[in-house]
């Protein structure tokens, strides 16, 4: 497991490089991942706009900033994602915003379809759900915790809908987008802080 994580970190890119990649994909009418269909290309365009907005507008409270500043172990935050993923467009910019607050956090991005061995180590209910954040202690390469693909409240929204309707439909996808827009990244922050045992 550790060698797979190490290899994936070696192949990873910075958040800035990932955002530049997305801009290039939009210009070239393309997308990351194995599926290059028109739908996926359009999702990438939409997600680039969403991420631009969140990069500018995600707010972190002063209390969280203070608590995060006390994190004194060097960590790698490795996120598995793809440019077409709707949840990732809302969640990954929040990870980056938090990582920027402490120089001990090294935030890195890898693409799911190019890192199958890594993805297979961190499945969600047997599925390759993304985004998936893996928090690794740099000194030991031990996994401290994982987060994803969604904050708990958003997961509940989807699970309840699926239980009632039997499938994921465009309607729940729209509800989920509205939920993210209203939440403004705060559930990602609180869930992640709880995983790191940092009081919110």
N, C-alpha and C. Protein backbone atom coordinates (compact mmCIF):
# COMPACT_ATOMS: atom_id res chain seq x y z
N UNK A 1 0.83 -1.21 0.00
CA UNK A 1 0.00 0.00 0.00
C UNK A 1 0.87 1.26 0.00
N UNK A 2 1.89 1.29 0.87
CA UNK A 2 2.71 2.51 0.98
C UNK A 2 3.41 2.84 -0.33
N UNK A 3 3.89 1.81 -1.04
CA UNK A 3 4.62 2.10 -2.29
C UNK A 3 3.67 2.66 -3.35
N UNK A 4 2.41 2.22 -3.33
CA UNK A 4 1.41 2.77 -4.27
C UNK A 4 1.16 4.24 -3.97
N UNK A 5 1.05 4.54 -2.68
CA UNK A 5 0.83 5.94 -2.27
C UNK A 5 2.03 6.80 -2.66
N UNK A 6 3.23 6.30 -2.39
CA UNK A 6 4.46 7.04 -2.72
C UNK A 6 4.56 7.31 -4.22
N UNK A 7 4.29 6.27 -5.02
CA UNK A 7 4.33 6.43 -6.49
C UNK A 7 3.31 7.46 -6.96
N UNK A 8 2.13 7.44 -6.33
CA UNK A 8 1.07 8.37 -6.72
C UNK A 8 1.46 9.81 -6.36
N UNK A 9 2.07 9.98 -5.20
CA UNK A 9 2.52 11.33 -4.80
C UNK A 9 3.58 11.82 -5.78
N UNK A 10 4.48 10.91 -6.19
CA UNK A 10 5.53 11.28 -7.14
C UNK A 10 4.94 11.76 -8.48
N UNK A 11 3.79 11.20 -8.85
CA UNK A 11 3.16 11.55 -10.13
C UNK A 11 2.17 12.71 -10.00
N UNK A 12 1.97 13.19 -8.78
CA UNK A 12 0.90 14.17 -8.52
C UNK A 12 1.27 15.56 -9.02
N UNK A 13 0.27 16.44 -9.03
CA UNK A 13 0.49 17.84 -9.42
C UNK A 13 -0.03 18.75 -8.32
N UNK A 14 0.43 19.99 -8.34
CA UNK A 14 -0.08 20.98 -7.39
C UNK A 14 -1.50 21.38 -7.77
N UNK A 15 -2.19 22.01 -6.85
CA UNK A 15 -3.54 22.50 -7.15
C UNK A 15 -3.49 23.52 -8.29
N UNK A 16 -2.51 24.38 -8.25
CA UNK A 16 -2.38 25.40 -9.30
C UNK A 16 -2.19 24.74 -10.67
N UNK A 17 -1.37 23.71 -10.71
CA UNK A 17 -1.16 22.99 -11.98
C UNK A 17 -2.45 22.32 -12.45
N UNK A 18 -3.22 21.81 -11.50
CA UNK A 18 -4.49 21.18 -11.84
C UNK A 18 -5.48 22.21 -12.40
N UNK A 19 -5.51 23.39 -11.79
CA UNK A 19 -6.41 24.44 -12.28
C UNK A 19 -5.98 24.90 -13.68
N UNK A 20 -4.67 24.98 -13.90
CA UNK A 20 -4.17 25.35 -15.24
C UNK A 20 -4.53 24.27 -16.27
N UNK A 21 -4.44 23.00 -15.84
CA UNK A 21 -4.82 21.89 -16.71
C UNK A 21 -6.30 22.01 -17.10
N UNK A 22 -7.15 22.32 -16.13
CA UNK A 22 -8.58 22.46 -16.43
C UNK A 22 -8.84 23.58 -17.42
N UNK A 23 -8.15 24.69 -17.24
CA UNK A 23 -8.30 25.82 -18.19
C UNK A 23 -7.91 25.40 -19.61
N UNK A 24 -6.82 24.63 -19.71
CA UNK A 24 -6.37 24.14 -21.03
C UNK A 24 -7.40 23.18 -21.63
N UNK A 25 -7.96 22.32 -20.78
CA UNK A 25 -8.96 21.37 -21.26
C UNK A 25 -10.18 22.10 -21.81
N UNK A 26 -10.61 23.14 -21.10
CA UNK A 26 -11.76 23.94 -21.55
C UNK A 26 -11.45 24.56 -22.91
N UNK A 27 -10.26 25.13 -23.05
CA UNK A 27 -9.85 25.75 -24.33
C UNK A 27 -9.84 24.72 -25.46
N UNK A 28 -9.41 23.50 -25.13
CA UNK A 28 -9.26 22.46 -26.15
C UNK A 28 -10.50 21.58 -26.30
N UNK A 29 -11.59 21.97 -25.62
CA UNK A 29 -12.82 21.17 -25.69
C UNK A 29 -12.58 19.72 -25.29
N UNK A 30 -11.90 19.53 -24.16
CA UNK A 30 -11.54 18.18 -23.73
C UNK A 30 -11.84 18.01 -22.24
N UNK A 31 -11.43 16.87 -21.70
CA UNK A 31 -11.67 16.54 -20.31
C UNK A 31 -10.61 15.55 -19.84
N UNK A 32 -10.45 15.43 -18.54
CA UNK A 32 -9.60 14.35 -18.01
C UNK A 32 -10.42 13.06 -18.04
N UNK A 33 -9.76 11.95 -17.75
CA UNK A 33 -10.47 10.68 -17.63
C UNK A 33 -10.54 9.91 -18.94
N UNK A 34 -11.00 8.67 -18.83
CA UNK A 34 -11.07 7.76 -19.98
C UNK A 34 -12.25 8.07 -20.89
N UNK A 35 -13.30 8.67 -20.33
CA UNK A 35 -14.51 8.98 -21.10
C UNK A 35 -14.39 10.42 -21.63
N UNK A 36 -14.22 10.55 -22.93
CA UNK A 36 -14.04 11.88 -23.54
C UNK A 36 -15.32 12.35 -24.25
N UNK A 37 -16.46 11.85 -23.79
CA UNK A 37 -17.73 12.19 -24.44
C UNK A 37 -18.06 13.67 -24.30
N UNK A 38 -19.00 14.12 -25.11
CA UNK A 38 -19.41 15.53 -25.09
C UNK A 38 -19.94 15.93 -23.72
N UNK A 39 -20.68 15.01 -23.08
CA UNK A 39 -21.21 15.28 -21.73
C UNK A 39 -20.08 15.59 -20.75
N UNK A 40 -19.05 14.75 -20.78
CA UNK A 40 -17.92 14.93 -19.85
C UNK A 40 -17.17 16.23 -20.14
N UNK A 41 -17.03 16.56 -21.41
CA UNK A 41 -16.39 17.83 -21.81
C UNK A 41 -17.20 19.01 -21.26
N UNK A 42 -18.52 18.92 -21.39
CA UNK A 42 -19.39 20.00 -20.88
C UNK A 42 -19.34 20.11 -19.37
N UNK A 43 -19.26 18.95 -18.68
CA UNK A 43 -19.13 18.98 -17.20
C UNK A 43 -17.83 19.67 -16.79
N UNK A 44 -16.76 19.40 -17.53
CA UNK A 44 -15.47 20.03 -17.23
C UNK A 44 -15.57 21.55 -17.37
N UNK A 45 -16.23 22.01 -18.42
CA UNK A 45 -16.41 23.47 -18.62
C UNK A 45 -17.19 24.08 -17.45
N UNK A 46 -18.27 23.41 -17.08
CA UNK A 46 -19.10 23.89 -15.97
C UNK A 46 -18.30 23.91 -14.66
N UNK A 47 -17.53 22.84 -14.44
CA UNK A 47 -16.77 22.73 -13.19
C UNK A 47 -15.64 23.74 -13.10
N UNK A 48 -15.06 24.09 -14.24
CA UNK A 48 -14.02 25.12 -14.25
C UNK A 48 -14.60 26.44 -13.74
N UNK A 49 -15.82 26.76 -14.17
CA UNK A 49 -16.49 27.98 -13.70
C UNK A 49 -16.80 27.90 -12.21
N UNK A 50 -17.29 26.75 -11.78
CA UNK A 50 -17.60 26.56 -10.35
C UNK A 50 -16.35 26.74 -9.50
N UNK A 51 -15.26 26.13 -9.94
CA UNK A 51 -14.02 26.19 -9.16
C UNK A 51 -13.46 27.60 -9.12
N UNK A 52 -13.58 28.33 -10.24
CA UNK A 52 -13.14 29.73 -10.23
C UNK A 52 -13.90 30.51 -9.16
N UNK A 53 -15.19 30.24 -9.09
CA UNK A 53 -16.01 30.94 -8.09
C UNK A 53 -15.59 30.57 -6.66
N UNK A 54 -15.45 29.26 -6.41
CA UNK A 54 -15.09 28.84 -5.04
C UNK A 54 -13.67 29.27 -4.67
N UNK A 55 -12.75 29.26 -5.63
CA UNK A 55 -11.39 29.72 -5.36
C UNK A 55 -11.40 31.14 -4.80
N UNK A 56 -12.35 31.94 -5.27
CA UNK A 56 -12.44 33.34 -4.83
C UNK A 56 -13.27 33.52 -3.56
N UNK A 57 -14.29 32.67 -3.37
CA UNK A 57 -15.30 33.00 -2.36
C UNK A 57 -15.34 32.13 -1.11
N UNK A 58 -14.64 30.97 -1.08
CA UNK A 58 -14.68 30.12 0.12
C UNK A 58 -14.11 30.88 1.31
N UNK A 59 -14.86 30.91 2.39
CA UNK A 59 -14.44 31.61 3.61
C UNK A 59 -14.11 30.59 4.70
N UNK A 60 -13.02 30.84 5.41
CA UNK A 60 -12.63 30.02 6.55
C UNK A 60 -12.65 30.91 7.78
N UNK A 61 -13.34 30.46 8.82
CA UNK A 61 -13.48 31.29 10.02
C UNK A 61 -12.13 31.48 10.72
N UNK A 62 -12.02 32.55 11.49
CA UNK A 62 -10.78 32.83 12.23
C UNK A 62 -10.46 31.70 13.20
N UNK A 63 -11.50 31.12 13.82
CA UNK A 63 -11.25 30.03 14.79
C UNK A 63 -10.64 28.81 14.11
N UNK A 64 -11.13 28.49 12.91
CA UNK A 64 -10.56 27.35 12.16
C UNK A 64 -9.13 27.67 11.74
N UNK A 65 -8.90 28.90 11.30
CA UNK A 65 -7.54 29.30 10.91
C UNK A 65 -6.57 29.11 12.07
N UNK A 66 -7.00 29.52 13.26
CA UNK A 66 -6.15 29.37 14.45
C UNK A 66 -5.87 27.91 14.76
N UNK A 67 -6.92 27.09 14.73
CA UNK A 67 -6.76 25.67 15.04
C UNK A 67 -5.87 24.98 14.02
N UNK A 68 -6.07 25.32 12.77
CA UNK A 68 -5.28 24.71 11.71
C UNK A 68 -3.82 25.13 11.79
N UNK A 69 -3.59 26.34 12.26
CA UNK A 69 -2.22 26.84 12.42
C UNK A 69 -1.43 26.00 13.43
N UNK A 70 -2.16 25.34 14.35
CA UNK A 70 -1.50 24.53 15.38
C UNK A 70 -1.11 23.13 14.91
N UNK A 71 -1.48 22.81 13.68
CA UNK A 71 -1.13 21.49 13.14
C UNK A 71 0.37 21.48 12.86
N UNK A 72 1.11 20.70 13.63
CA UNK A 72 2.57 20.79 13.50
C UNK A 72 3.24 19.52 12.97
N UNK A 73 2.44 18.59 12.46
CA UNK A 73 3.04 17.43 11.77
C UNK A 73 2.94 17.67 10.27
N UNK A 74 4.00 17.34 9.57
CA UNK A 74 3.98 17.52 8.11
C UNK A 74 3.06 16.46 7.48
N UNK A 75 2.13 16.94 6.66
CA UNK A 75 1.16 16.05 6.05
C UNK A 75 1.09 16.29 4.55
N UNK A 76 0.81 15.21 3.81
CA UNK A 76 0.45 15.34 2.41
C UNK A 76 -1.05 15.10 2.30
N UNK A 77 -1.74 16.05 1.70
CA UNK A 77 -3.16 15.87 1.40
C UNK A 77 -3.25 15.52 -0.08
N UNK A 78 -3.52 14.27 -0.37
CA UNK A 78 -3.55 13.77 -1.75
C UNK A 78 -5.00 13.54 -2.16
N UNK A 79 -5.47 14.28 -3.13
CA UNK A 79 -6.86 14.12 -3.57
C UNK A 79 -6.91 13.43 -4.93
N UNK A 80 -7.81 12.43 -5.01
CA UNK A 80 -8.07 11.73 -6.27
C UNK A 80 -9.30 12.38 -6.88
N UNK A 81 -9.20 12.82 -8.13
CA UNK A 81 -10.32 13.54 -8.73
C UNK A 81 -10.29 13.38 -10.24
N UNK A 82 -11.26 14.01 -10.91
CA UNK A 82 -11.29 14.17 -12.37
C UNK A 82 -11.98 15.50 -12.64
N UNK A 83 -11.67 16.10 -13.78
CA UNK A 83 -12.19 17.44 -14.07
C UNK A 83 -13.71 17.46 -14.27
N UNK A 84 -14.30 16.32 -14.67
CA UNK A 84 -15.74 16.26 -14.97
C UNK A 84 -16.60 16.07 -13.73
N UNK A 85 -15.99 15.79 -12.58
CA UNK A 85 -16.74 15.40 -11.37
C UNK A 85 -17.39 16.61 -10.70
N UNK A 86 -18.72 16.60 -10.63
CA UNK A 86 -19.47 17.71 -10.04
C UNK A 86 -19.18 17.93 -8.57
N UNK A 87 -19.14 16.84 -7.78
CA UNK A 87 -18.83 16.98 -6.36
C UNK A 87 -17.45 17.59 -6.16
N UNK A 88 -16.50 17.13 -6.96
CA UNK A 88 -15.12 17.62 -6.83
C UNK A 88 -15.02 19.12 -7.05
N UNK A 89 -15.81 19.64 -7.99
CA UNK A 89 -15.74 21.07 -8.28
C UNK A 89 -16.11 21.92 -7.07
N UNK A 90 -16.98 21.38 -6.22
CA UNK A 90 -17.39 22.10 -5.02
C UNK A 90 -16.47 21.83 -3.83
N UNK A 91 -15.89 20.64 -3.79
CA UNK A 91 -15.17 20.18 -2.60
C UNK A 91 -13.66 20.47 -2.66
N UNK A 92 -13.04 20.22 -3.82
CA UNK A 92 -11.57 20.32 -3.92
C UNK A 92 -11.06 21.74 -3.66
N UNK A 93 -11.73 22.81 -4.13
CA UNK A 93 -11.24 24.15 -3.80
C UNK A 93 -11.23 24.43 -2.29
N UNK A 94 -12.13 23.77 -1.56
CA UNK A 94 -12.17 23.95 -0.10
C UNK A 94 -10.95 23.28 0.53
N UNK A 95 -10.61 22.08 0.06
CA UNK A 95 -9.39 21.41 0.53
C UNK A 95 -8.19 22.34 0.35
N UNK A 96 -8.10 22.91 -0.85
CA UNK A 96 -6.96 23.77 -1.16
C UNK A 96 -6.91 24.99 -0.24
N UNK A 97 -8.06 25.59 0.00
CA UNK A 97 -8.14 26.78 0.85
C UNK A 97 -7.63 26.47 2.26
N UNK A 98 -7.99 25.28 2.77
CA UNK A 98 -7.53 24.87 4.11
C UNK A 98 -6.03 24.57 4.09
N UNK A 99 -5.59 23.86 3.06
CA UNK A 99 -4.17 23.48 2.97
C UNK A 99 -3.26 24.71 2.91
N UNK A 100 -3.75 25.77 2.28
CA UNK A 100 -2.95 27.00 2.16
C UNK A 100 -2.69 27.67 3.51
N UNK A 101 -3.46 27.29 4.51
CA UNK A 101 -3.36 27.96 5.82
C UNK A 101 -2.24 27.42 6.70
N UNK A 102 -1.59 26.34 6.27
CA UNK A 102 -0.51 25.78 7.09
C UNK A 102 0.58 25.21 6.18
N UNK A 103 1.79 25.71 6.37
CA UNK A 103 2.89 25.28 5.49
C UNK A 103 3.27 23.82 5.70
N UNK A 104 2.77 23.20 6.77
CA UNK A 104 3.02 21.77 6.99
C UNK A 104 2.15 20.88 6.11
N UNK A 105 1.17 21.48 5.44
CA UNK A 105 0.28 20.71 4.58
C UNK A 105 0.71 20.86 3.12
N UNK A 106 1.01 19.74 2.50
CA UNK A 106 1.41 19.71 1.09
C UNK A 106 0.23 19.15 0.30
N UNK A 107 -0.49 19.99 -0.42
CA UNK A 107 -1.70 19.56 -1.12
C UNK A 107 -1.38 19.14 -2.55
N UNK A 108 -1.76 17.92 -2.89
CA UNK A 108 -1.44 17.36 -4.21
C UNK A 108 -2.68 16.73 -4.85
N UNK A 109 -2.68 16.73 -6.18
CA UNK A 109 -3.83 16.23 -6.94
C UNK A 109 -3.37 15.12 -7.89
N UNK A 110 -4.15 14.03 -7.92
CA UNK A 110 -3.93 12.98 -8.93
C UNK A 110 -5.26 12.67 -9.61
N UNK A 111 -5.18 12.17 -10.83
CA UNK A 111 -6.37 11.83 -11.60
C UNK A 111 -6.72 10.35 -11.40
N UNK A 112 -8.00 10.10 -11.18
CA UNK A 112 -8.45 8.75 -10.86
C UNK A 112 -8.07 7.73 -11.92
N UNK A 113 -8.40 8.02 -13.19
CA UNK A 113 -8.23 7.00 -14.23
C UNK A 113 -6.77 6.72 -14.56
N UNK A 114 -5.88 7.61 -14.11
CA UNK A 114 -4.44 7.39 -14.32
C UNK A 114 -3.79 6.74 -13.08
N UNK A 115 -4.57 6.55 -12.03
CA UNK A 115 -4.03 6.02 -10.76
C UNK A 115 -4.96 4.95 -10.20
N UNK A 116 -5.19 3.93 -11.02
CA UNK A 116 -6.16 2.89 -10.67
C UNK A 116 -5.78 2.14 -9.40
N UNK A 117 -4.50 1.84 -9.25
CA UNK A 117 -4.06 1.08 -8.07
C UNK A 117 -4.34 1.87 -6.79
N UNK A 118 -4.10 3.18 -6.84
CA UNK A 118 -4.39 4.03 -5.68
C UNK A 118 -5.89 4.08 -5.41
N UNK A 119 -6.67 4.30 -6.46
CA UNK A 119 -8.12 4.39 -6.30
C UNK A 119 -8.68 3.11 -5.69
N UNK A 120 -8.15 1.98 -6.11
CA UNK A 120 -8.66 0.69 -5.61
C UNK A 120 -8.38 0.48 -4.12
N UNK A 121 -7.43 1.23 -3.58
CA UNK A 121 -7.16 1.16 -2.13
C UNK A 121 -8.18 1.96 -1.32
N UNK A 122 -8.87 2.88 -1.99
CA UNK A 122 -9.73 3.82 -1.25
C UNK A 122 -11.13 3.89 -1.85
N UNK A 123 -11.72 2.73 -2.07
CA UNK A 123 -13.07 2.67 -2.63
C UNK A 123 -14.10 3.09 -1.58
N UNK A 124 -15.24 3.57 -2.04
CA UNK A 124 -16.36 3.91 -1.16
C UNK A 124 -17.49 2.95 -1.46
N UNK A 125 -17.82 2.10 -0.50
CA UNK A 125 -18.85 1.07 -0.71
C UNK A 125 -18.60 0.27 -2.00
N UNK A 126 -17.34 0.00 -2.26
CA UNK A 126 -16.96 -0.80 -3.43
C UNK A 126 -16.86 -0.02 -4.73
N UNK A 127 -17.17 1.28 -4.69
CA UNK A 127 -17.16 2.10 -5.90
C UNK A 127 -16.02 3.10 -5.93
N UNK A 128 -15.67 3.55 -7.14
CA UNK A 128 -14.54 4.48 -7.32
C UNK A 128 -15.03 5.93 -7.20
N UNK A 129 -15.68 6.23 -6.09
CA UNK A 129 -16.27 7.56 -5.89
C UNK A 129 -15.19 8.60 -5.66
N UNK A 130 -15.36 9.74 -6.33
CA UNK A 130 -14.43 10.86 -6.16
C UNK A 130 -15.24 12.13 -5.92
N UNK A 131 -14.59 13.14 -5.32
CA UNK A 131 -13.18 13.22 -4.91
C UNK A 131 -12.94 12.41 -3.64
N UNK A 132 -11.73 11.90 -3.51
CA UNK A 132 -11.32 11.19 -2.31
C UNK A 132 -10.02 11.82 -1.82
N UNK A 133 -10.06 12.36 -0.62
CA UNK A 133 -8.87 12.97 -0.02
C UNK A 133 -8.21 11.98 0.92
N UNK A 134 -6.91 11.76 0.72
CA UNK A 134 -6.13 10.87 1.58
C UNK A 134 -5.13 11.74 2.33
N UNK A 135 -5.21 11.71 3.65
CA UNK A 135 -4.29 12.52 4.47
C UNK A 135 -3.18 11.62 5.00
N UNK A 136 -1.95 11.94 4.64
CA UNK A 136 -0.80 11.07 4.90
C UNK A 136 0.22 11.81 5.75
N UNK A 137 0.70 11.14 6.78
CA UNK A 137 1.78 11.71 7.60
C UNK A 137 3.08 11.54 6.82
N UNK A 138 3.76 12.65 6.57
CA UNK A 138 4.94 12.59 5.68
C UNK A 138 6.07 11.75 6.27
N UNK A 139 6.27 11.83 7.58
CA UNK A 139 7.41 11.13 8.20
C UNK A 139 7.32 9.62 8.04
N UNK A 140 6.11 9.08 8.13
CA UNK A 140 5.93 7.62 8.12
C UNK A 140 5.23 7.09 6.87
N UNK A 141 4.63 8.01 6.11
CA UNK A 141 3.76 7.63 4.97
C UNK A 141 2.52 6.86 5.42
N UNK A 142 2.18 6.96 6.71
CA UNK A 142 0.95 6.33 7.20
C UNK A 142 -0.25 7.19 6.84
N UNK A 143 -1.36 6.53 6.49
CA UNK A 143 -2.60 7.25 6.23
C UNK A 143 -3.24 7.62 7.56
N UNK A 144 -3.44 8.92 7.77
CA UNK A 144 -4.06 9.40 9.01
C UNK A 144 -5.57 9.24 8.93
N UNK A 145 -6.15 9.66 7.82
CA UNK A 145 -7.59 9.55 7.61
C UNK A 145 -7.90 9.80 6.14
N UNK A 146 -9.15 9.54 5.76
CA UNK A 146 -9.60 9.85 4.40
C UNK A 146 -10.93 10.60 4.48
N UNK A 147 -11.23 11.32 3.43
CA UNK A 147 -12.48 12.09 3.36
C UNK A 147 -13.03 12.01 1.95
N UNK A 148 -14.33 11.87 1.84
CA UNK A 148 -14.96 11.92 0.53
C UNK A 148 -15.85 10.73 0.29
N UNK A 149 -16.60 10.81 -0.79
CA UNK A 149 -16.56 11.85 -1.83
C UNK A 149 -17.33 13.13 -1.50
N UNK A 150 -18.19 13.06 -0.48
CA UNK A 150 -19.01 14.24 -0.16
C UNK A 150 -19.02 14.47 1.34
N UNK A 151 -19.38 15.71 1.77
CA UNK A 151 -19.64 15.92 3.19
C UNK A 151 -20.83 15.07 3.64
N UNK A 152 -20.88 14.76 4.94
CA UNK A 152 -21.91 13.84 5.48
C UNK A 152 -23.33 14.27 5.11
N UNK A 153 -23.61 15.54 5.22
CA UNK A 153 -24.97 16.02 4.96
C UNK A 153 -25.37 15.82 3.50
N UNK A 154 -24.44 16.08 2.58
CA UNK A 154 -24.70 15.88 1.15
C UNK A 154 -24.86 14.39 0.84
N UNK A 155 -24.07 13.55 1.49
CA UNK A 155 -24.19 12.10 1.31
C UNK A 155 -25.57 11.63 1.74
N UNK A 156 -26.04 12.14 2.87
CA UNK A 156 -27.36 11.76 3.37
C UNK A 156 -28.45 12.16 2.37
N UNK A 157 -28.31 13.33 1.80
CA UNK A 157 -29.26 13.83 0.80
C UNK A 157 -29.39 12.83 -0.35
N UNK A 158 -28.25 12.37 -0.85
CA UNK A 158 -28.23 11.44 -1.98
C UNK A 158 -28.74 10.06 -1.58
N UNK A 159 -28.28 9.56 -0.43
CA UNK A 159 -28.69 8.23 0.04
C UNK A 159 -30.21 8.18 0.27
N UNK A 160 -30.75 9.21 0.91
CA UNK A 160 -32.20 9.26 1.17
C UNK A 160 -32.99 9.29 -0.13
N UNK A 161 -32.49 10.07 -1.09
CA UNK A 161 -33.18 10.19 -2.39
C UNK A 161 -33.16 8.83 -3.12
N UNK A 162 -32.01 8.18 -3.09
CA UNK A 162 -31.87 6.89 -3.78
C UNK A 162 -32.77 5.83 -3.13
N UNK A 163 -32.87 5.87 -1.80
CA UNK A 163 -33.73 4.92 -1.08
C UNK A 163 -35.20 5.12 -1.48
N UNK A 164 -35.57 6.36 -1.69
CA UNK A 164 -36.97 6.68 -2.02
C UNK A 164 -37.29 6.44 -3.50
N UNK A 165 -36.35 6.80 -4.39
CA UNK A 165 -36.62 6.77 -5.82
C UNK A 165 -35.91 5.63 -6.56
N UNK A 166 -34.98 4.97 -5.88
CA UNK A 166 -34.33 3.81 -6.48
C UNK A 166 -33.16 4.10 -7.39
N UNK A 167 -32.95 5.38 -7.72
CA UNK A 167 -31.83 5.71 -8.62
C UNK A 167 -31.47 7.19 -8.47
N UNK A 168 -30.30 7.52 -9.02
CA UNK A 168 -29.86 8.92 -9.08
C UNK A 168 -30.41 9.53 -10.36
N UNK A 169 -31.14 10.61 -10.22
CA UNK A 169 -31.76 11.26 -11.39
C UNK A 169 -31.21 12.68 -11.54
N UNK A 170 -31.48 13.34 -12.67
CA UNK A 170 -31.08 14.75 -12.82
C UNK A 170 -31.64 15.64 -11.71
N UNK A 171 -32.81 15.26 -11.19
CA UNK A 171 -33.44 16.06 -10.13
C UNK A 171 -32.57 16.13 -8.87
N UNK A 172 -32.05 14.97 -8.44
CA UNK A 172 -31.22 14.97 -7.21
C UNK A 172 -29.88 15.65 -7.49
N UNK A 173 -29.38 15.52 -8.71
CA UNK A 173 -28.12 16.21 -9.05
C UNK A 173 -28.30 17.72 -8.93
N UNK A 174 -29.46 18.19 -9.36
CA UNK A 174 -29.77 19.62 -9.26
C UNK A 174 -29.91 20.04 -7.79
N UNK A 175 -30.60 19.20 -7.00
CA UNK A 175 -30.75 19.48 -5.56
C UNK A 175 -29.38 19.54 -4.87
N UNK A 176 -28.50 18.64 -5.28
CA UNK A 176 -27.16 18.58 -4.70
C UNK A 176 -26.37 19.85 -5.02
N UNK A 177 -26.47 20.31 -6.27
CA UNK A 177 -25.78 21.55 -6.65
C UNK A 177 -26.29 22.72 -5.81
N UNK A 178 -27.61 22.77 -5.63
CA UNK A 178 -28.20 23.85 -4.82
C UNK A 178 -27.71 23.78 -3.38
N UNK A 179 -27.61 22.54 -2.88
CA UNK A 179 -27.12 22.35 -1.50
C UNK A 179 -25.69 22.89 -1.37
N UNK A 180 -24.82 22.52 -2.32
CA UNK A 180 -23.43 23.00 -2.28
C UNK A 180 -23.38 24.53 -2.35
N UNK A 181 -24.18 25.11 -3.21
CA UNK A 181 -24.17 26.58 -3.37
C UNK A 181 -24.60 27.28 -2.08
N UNK A 182 -25.55 26.68 -1.39
CA UNK A 182 -26.05 27.26 -0.14
C UNK A 182 -25.05 27.06 1.00
N UNK A 183 -24.41 25.88 1.01
CA UNK A 183 -23.50 25.50 2.11
C UNK A 183 -22.17 26.26 2.05
N UNK A 184 -21.75 26.63 0.84
CA UNK A 184 -20.52 27.42 0.63
C UNK A 184 -19.25 26.78 1.21
N UNK A 185 -19.21 25.46 1.21
CA UNK A 185 -17.99 24.76 1.64
C UNK A 185 -17.86 24.55 3.14
N UNK A 186 -18.83 25.03 3.91
CA UNK A 186 -18.68 24.98 5.38
C UNK A 186 -18.78 23.56 5.94
N UNK A 187 -19.60 22.70 5.31
CA UNK A 187 -19.71 21.31 5.78
C UNK A 187 -18.43 20.53 5.49
N UNK A 188 -17.80 20.83 4.36
CA UNK A 188 -16.50 20.19 4.06
C UNK A 188 -15.50 20.56 5.14
N UNK A 189 -15.48 21.84 5.50
CA UNK A 189 -14.54 22.32 6.52
C UNK A 189 -14.80 21.64 7.86
N UNK A 190 -16.05 21.64 8.31
CA UNK A 190 -16.35 21.08 9.64
C UNK A 190 -16.12 19.56 9.67
N UNK A 191 -16.53 18.85 8.60
CA UNK A 191 -16.31 17.39 8.57
C UNK A 191 -14.82 17.06 8.58
N UNK A 192 -14.05 17.82 7.82
CA UNK A 192 -12.61 17.55 7.73
C UNK A 192 -11.91 17.88 9.06
N UNK A 193 -12.32 18.96 9.69
CA UNK A 193 -11.73 19.31 10.98
C UNK A 193 -12.03 18.24 12.03
N UNK A 194 -13.25 17.68 11.97
CA UNK A 194 -13.60 16.60 12.90
C UNK A 194 -12.73 15.38 12.67
N UNK A 195 -12.47 15.05 11.40
CA UNK A 195 -11.61 13.90 11.09
C UNK A 195 -10.19 14.11 11.62
N UNK A 196 -9.76 15.36 11.60
CA UNK A 196 -8.40 15.68 12.08
C UNK A 196 -8.40 15.93 13.60
N UNK A 197 -9.58 15.74 14.21
CA UNK A 197 -9.76 15.99 15.65
C UNK A 197 -9.43 17.42 16.04
N UNK A 198 -9.78 18.33 15.14
CA UNK A 198 -9.61 19.75 15.43
C UNK A 198 -11.01 20.31 15.74
N UNK A 199 -11.21 20.87 16.95
CA UNK A 199 -12.54 21.35 17.30
C UNK A 199 -13.00 22.48 16.39
N UNK A 200 -14.29 22.45 16.04
CA UNK A 200 -14.85 23.49 15.17
C UNK A 200 -15.61 24.49 16.03
